[in-house]
Structure formats: structure tokens, C-alpha cells
Protein backbone atom coordinates (compact mmCIF):
# COMPACT_ATOMS: atom_id res chain seq x y z
CA UNK A 1 87.45 141.10 166.71
CA UNK A 2 90.91 141.51 167.63
CA UNK A 3 94.26 141.00 165.59
CA UNK A 4 95.39 138.73 168.01
CA UNK A 5 92.00 136.53 168.28
CA UNK A 6 92.52 135.56 165.39
CA UNK A 7 96.16 135.02 165.38
CA UNK A 8 94.90 132.41 168.51
CA UNK A 9 92.54 130.91 166.41
CA UNK A 10 94.79 130.03 163.61
CA UNK A 11 97.50 128.87 165.84
CA UNK A 12 94.86 126.39 167.55
CA UNK A 13 93.52 124.82 164.05
CA UNK A 14 96.68 124.14 162.83
CA UNK A 15 98.00 122.34 166.51
CA UNK A 16 94.09 120.78 166.10
CA UNK A 17 95.21 119.98 162.65
CA UNK A 18 98.32 118.10 163.38
CA UNK A 19 96.29 116.47 165.86
CA UNK A 20 94.24 114.82 163.83
CA UNK A 21 97.22 113.77 161.47
CA UNK A 22 97.03 116.34 159.02
CA UNK A 23 100.46 118.10 158.68
CA UNK A 24 99.76 120.18 155.67
CA UNK A 25 97.61 121.99 157.47
CA UNK A 26 99.13 122.28 160.46
CA UNK A 27 102.01 124.37 158.69
CA UNK A 28 99.53 126.35 156.67
CA UNK A 29 96.99 127.45 159.43
CA UNK A 30 99.68 129.67 161.55
CA UNK A 31 100.91 130.90 158.00
CA UNK A 32 97.36 132.32 158.19
CA UNK A 33 97.87 134.62 160.38
CA UNK A 34 101.79 135.90 158.79
CA UNK A 35 100.19 136.39 155.05
CA UNK A 36 96.80 137.80 155.77
CA UNK A 37 96.99 141.52 155.38
CA UNK A 38 94.95 142.84 157.96
CA UNK A 39 94.05 146.17 155.55
CA UNK A 40 92.73 144.34 152.89
CA UNK A 41 89.30 143.48 151.88
CA UNK A 42 89.83 139.80 153.45
CA UNK A 43 91.73 141.45 156.78
CA UNK A 44 88.89 143.93 157.20
CA UNK A 45 85.95 140.87 157.02
CA UNK A 46 87.71 138.75 159.84
CA UNK A 47 88.12 142.16 161.98
CA UNK A 48 84.35 142.25 161.78
CA UNK A 49 83.47 139.11 161.87
CA UNK A 50 80.18 138.99 163.40
CA UNK A 51 80.61 135.26 165.87
CA UNK A 52 83.76 133.97 167.41
CA UNK A 53 86.57 132.93 165.15
CA UNK A 54 86.71 129.41 166.80
CA UNK A 55 82.51 129.21 167.12
CA UNK A 56 82.36 129.80 163.38
CA UNK A 57 85.70 127.50 162.45
CA UNK A 58 87.06 130.50 159.99
CA UNK A 59 89.67 129.51 159.47
CA UNK A 60 88.64 126.12 157.56
CA UNK A 61 86.35 128.30 156.20
CA UNK A 62 89.52 129.96 154.36
CA UNK A 63 91.11 126.92 153.64
CA UNK A 64 88.18 125.64 152.24
CA UNK A 65 87.78 127.76 149.56
CA UNK A 66 91.83 127.59 148.74
CA UNK A 67 91.53 123.80 148.61
CA UNK A 68 88.02 124.46 146.72
CA UNK A 69 90.43 126.30 144.24
CA UNK A 70 92.87 123.66 144.06
CA UNK A 71 90.21 121.56 143.00
CA UNK A 72 89.28 123.35 140.16
CA UNK A 73 92.00 122.68 139.14
CA UNK A 74 93.30 126.63 139.22
CA UNK A 75 97.17 127.53 137.77
CA UNK A 76 99.34 130.01 140.11
CA UNK A 77 100.13 130.25 143.89
CA UNK A 78 97.34 127.62 144.65
CA UNK A 79 98.41 124.60 143.19
CA UNK A 80 102.00 125.47 143.61
CA UNK A 81 101.59 125.81 147.87
CA UNK A 82 99.18 122.45 147.08
CA UNK A 83 101.83 120.59 145.55
CA UNK A 84 104.47 121.23 148.05
CA UNK A 85 105.66 124.70 147.88
CA UNK A 86 108.67 123.98 149.72
CA UNK A 87 110.16 127.02 151.74
CA UNK A 88 108.42 129.46 149.51
CA UNK A 89 104.31 128.14 151.66
CA UNK A 90 104.47 131.60 153.00
CA UNK A 91 104.62 133.72 149.97
CA UNK A 92 103.02 131.65 148.01
CA UNK A 93 99.92 131.57 150.55
CA UNK A 94 100.27 135.27 150.73
CA UNK A 95 100.04 135.56 146.70
CA UNK A 96 96.54 132.73 146.43
CA UNK A 97 95.10 135.03 149.32
CA UNK A 98 95.66 138.25 147.44
CA UNK A 99 95.08 137.12 143.94
CA UNK A 100 91.69 135.51 144.69
CA UNK A 101 90.04 137.85 147.84
CA UNK A 102 86.88 138.02 146.08
CA UNK A 103 86.52 134.04 145.71
CA UNK A 104 87.49 133.69 149.97
CA UNK A 105 85.31 135.90 150.91
CA UNK A 106 81.89 134.85 148.81
CA UNK A 107 83.02 131.30 150.49
CA UNK A 108 83.96 132.20 154.19
CA UNK A 109 80.45 132.88 154.69
CA UNK A 110 79.30 129.36 154.39
CA UNK A 111 80.32 126.84 156.57
CA UNK A 112 82.97 124.11 155.86
CA UNK A 113 81.48 120.74 154.54
CA UNK A 114 84.13 118.74 156.03
CA UNK A 115 84.62 115.37 154.39
CA UNK A 116 86.81 113.24 157.72
CA UNK A 117 86.55 109.38 156.38
CA UNK A 118 87.96 109.03 160.47
CA UNK A 119 83.82 109.44 161.27
CA UNK A 120 83.47 105.59 159.57
CA UNK A 121 85.46 104.14 162.32
CA UNK A 122 81.38 104.45 164.13
CA UNK A 123 80.08 102.99 161.26
CA UNK A 124 81.83 99.99 161.11
CA UNK A 125 81.36 99.02 164.78
CA UNK A 126 77.94 99.83 164.83
CA UNK A 127 76.97 97.69 161.58
CA UNK A 128 79.11 95.40 163.10
CA UNK A 129 77.34 94.89 166.04
CA UNK A 130 73.61 95.21 164.16
CA UNK A 131 75.22 92.19 161.91
CA UNK A 132 75.60 90.21 165.47
CA UNK A 133 72.24 90.48 165.86
CA UNK A 134 71.37 89.37 162.89
CA UNK A 135 70.79 91.64 160.23
CA UNK A 136 73.38 91.23 157.55
CA UNK A 137 72.11 93.12 155.02
CA UNK A 138 71.99 96.87 156.19
CA UNK A 139 71.08 100.15 153.77
CA UNK A 140 73.15 103.48 154.83
CA UNK A 141 71.34 107.07 154.80
CA UNK A 142 73.70 109.34 155.50
CA UNK A 143 72.52 113.04 156.06
CA UNK A 144 75.46 115.54 155.14
CA UNK A 145 77.08 113.06 152.95
CA UNK A 146 79.60 115.77 151.82
CA UNK A 147 81.28 114.05 149.09
CA UNK A 148 79.64 110.62 150.31
CA UNK A 149 82.94 109.02 151.75
CA UNK A 150 81.80 107.54 154.96
CA UNK A 151 79.52 105.83 153.08
CA UNK A 152 82.31 103.70 151.16
CA UNK A 153 82.79 103.24 154.94
CA UNK A 154 83.06 98.90 154.02
CA UNK A 155 85.90 99.46 151.37
CA UNK A 156 88.50 100.75 154.06
CA UNK A 157 90.98 99.30 156.15
CA UNK A 158 90.23 99.79 159.52
CA UNK A 159 93.58 98.46 162.13
CA UNK A 160 94.17 99.03 165.90
CA UNK A 161 96.77 96.97 167.63
CA UNK A 162 94.66 94.45 168.52
CA UNK A 163 92.63 94.14 165.33
CA UNK A 164 91.95 94.51 162.17
CA UNK A 165 88.69 94.59 159.41
CA UNK A 166 88.60 94.88 155.45
CA UNK A 167 91.29 94.22 152.97
CA UNK A 168 94.98 94.60 153.22
CA UNK A 169 95.33 96.35 149.68
CA UNK A 170 93.07 98.82 150.69
CA UNK A 171 93.34 102.39 149.50
CA UNK A 172 92.36 103.72 152.06
CA UNK A 173 93.40 103.08 155.98
CA UNK A 174 92.20 103.91 159.40
CA UNK A 175 93.79 103.56 161.95
CA UNK A 176 92.72 103.12 166.13
CA UNK A 177 93.28 103.19 169.14
CA UNK A 178 90.09 101.46 170.45
CA UNK A 179 91.09 98.56 172.82
CA UNK A 180 89.96 95.24 172.30
CA UNK A 181 87.77 93.31 169.14
CA UNK A 182 84.56 94.43 167.44
CA UNK A 183 81.98 92.06 166.62
CA UNK A 184 82.71 89.90 164.58
CA UNK A 185 79.90 89.33 162.02
CA UNK A 186 79.56 89.61 158.42
CA UNK A 187 77.37 92.47 156.61
CA UNK A 188 76.39 93.76 153.16
CA UNK A 189 75.92 96.73 152.54
CA UNK A 190 72.47 96.92 150.18
CA UNK A 191 71.29 100.91 149.61
CA UNK A 192 73.66 104.09 149.92
CA UNK A 193 71.70 107.11 150.14
CA UNK A 194 73.29 110.58 151.25
CA UNK A 195 71.75 114.22 150.90
CA UNK A 196 73.11 117.52 151.21
CA UNK A 197 71.52 121.14 151.60
CA UNK A 198 74.79 122.08 149.64
CA UNK A 199 75.98 119.96 147.81
CA UNK A 200 79.44 121.56 145.78
CA UNK A 201 79.79 120.19 142.14
């Protein structure tokens, strides 16, 4: 793989993150191409990557490795980076990549597990449609539930220009561009079951 392909991939992933409402990663992704030394072990691993960068979500694999370190409470550049970083983001990212290179090399061997709660909108629309036909009690079974965030979709607030659904004081708000209104029905969630082939503890 050529380095220019990696740079293009990081830039495109950053653009996608911004469009999807993730400004932090939108800023972080382009910095990856500046912060990874191509002569380092990580740089060499990326250049020898056996699959196209975009198809294997290579940038997201690196982001997942860094996010795991932050959630694990690792002090130093990772913590500073995720807590703001100010104008020093590039420097902090470079330090984090060098300090935790072995961890990142290990993590990128597995595809990232994404927890996109925007997918909950589809669950809500489906649940309302089912409830409208008379099935008011629903059981949720999610394959590949990762953190299980979508199993709690009925606790979120959904807002569009012409309708909303949920509690106004919900700590999570999901905005939708869907026009029209969903079915006007009520339902309750009975059981919530999720499974994952590779859970992260």
C-alpha cells in the first residue's frame, strides 16, 4: 500500500466523521497521517496492510485502539488528547502512537466495534409499526450488540422537524431528517438480550 493511499483514507474518514456528527474524530483522522512515522513499526505495518485501507476501516481500527486506552484510564498523552488537547493535538497524538505502539499493533488486527446509536431510529420506527398492528409488548434480540446501546432505544429522545418521540429529559437525543410522522402507537419492552462474538470487557 502506498502512503498516499493511507493519507487519502485518513482524510476521507475524517470527512465522514464530521458529516456524521463526530467533530473530535473528524479532526483526529487527518492528524493520523501527520503523526504516524512511516518508518516506525506501526507505519511499516500499515504500508504492508493486506487489504484496502477503506474496506478494512483501518483508520477506525487505530481510533478504536486509542479510545480503548482512554476508557481504561491510561494517563499521559491519550488522556490529554481525549480531554481537549487544545492546539497540541498533533503532538499528543504522535506521543500516544509511539508510547502505545505495541497495543495499537495488536488492536488493529481486529475490526472496530462501533456503537452508533443513530441506528436506534430504525428500531423505533419498526417497533411503532409493529405496535400499531396490535403487538404492544416487544422483546429485543440484538446480534453483535457491542456495548448494547441500541437495546435501550426506548429511553432516548428522537427529534425531527415535524415530530418527536420519547422523554424530553432524556440524556440522549437523536436527531432525524425523516419527514412525516411515524405510527402513533405505544409499546413496552419485555426482555432485552444482546450477544457479541468478541465482547470487550
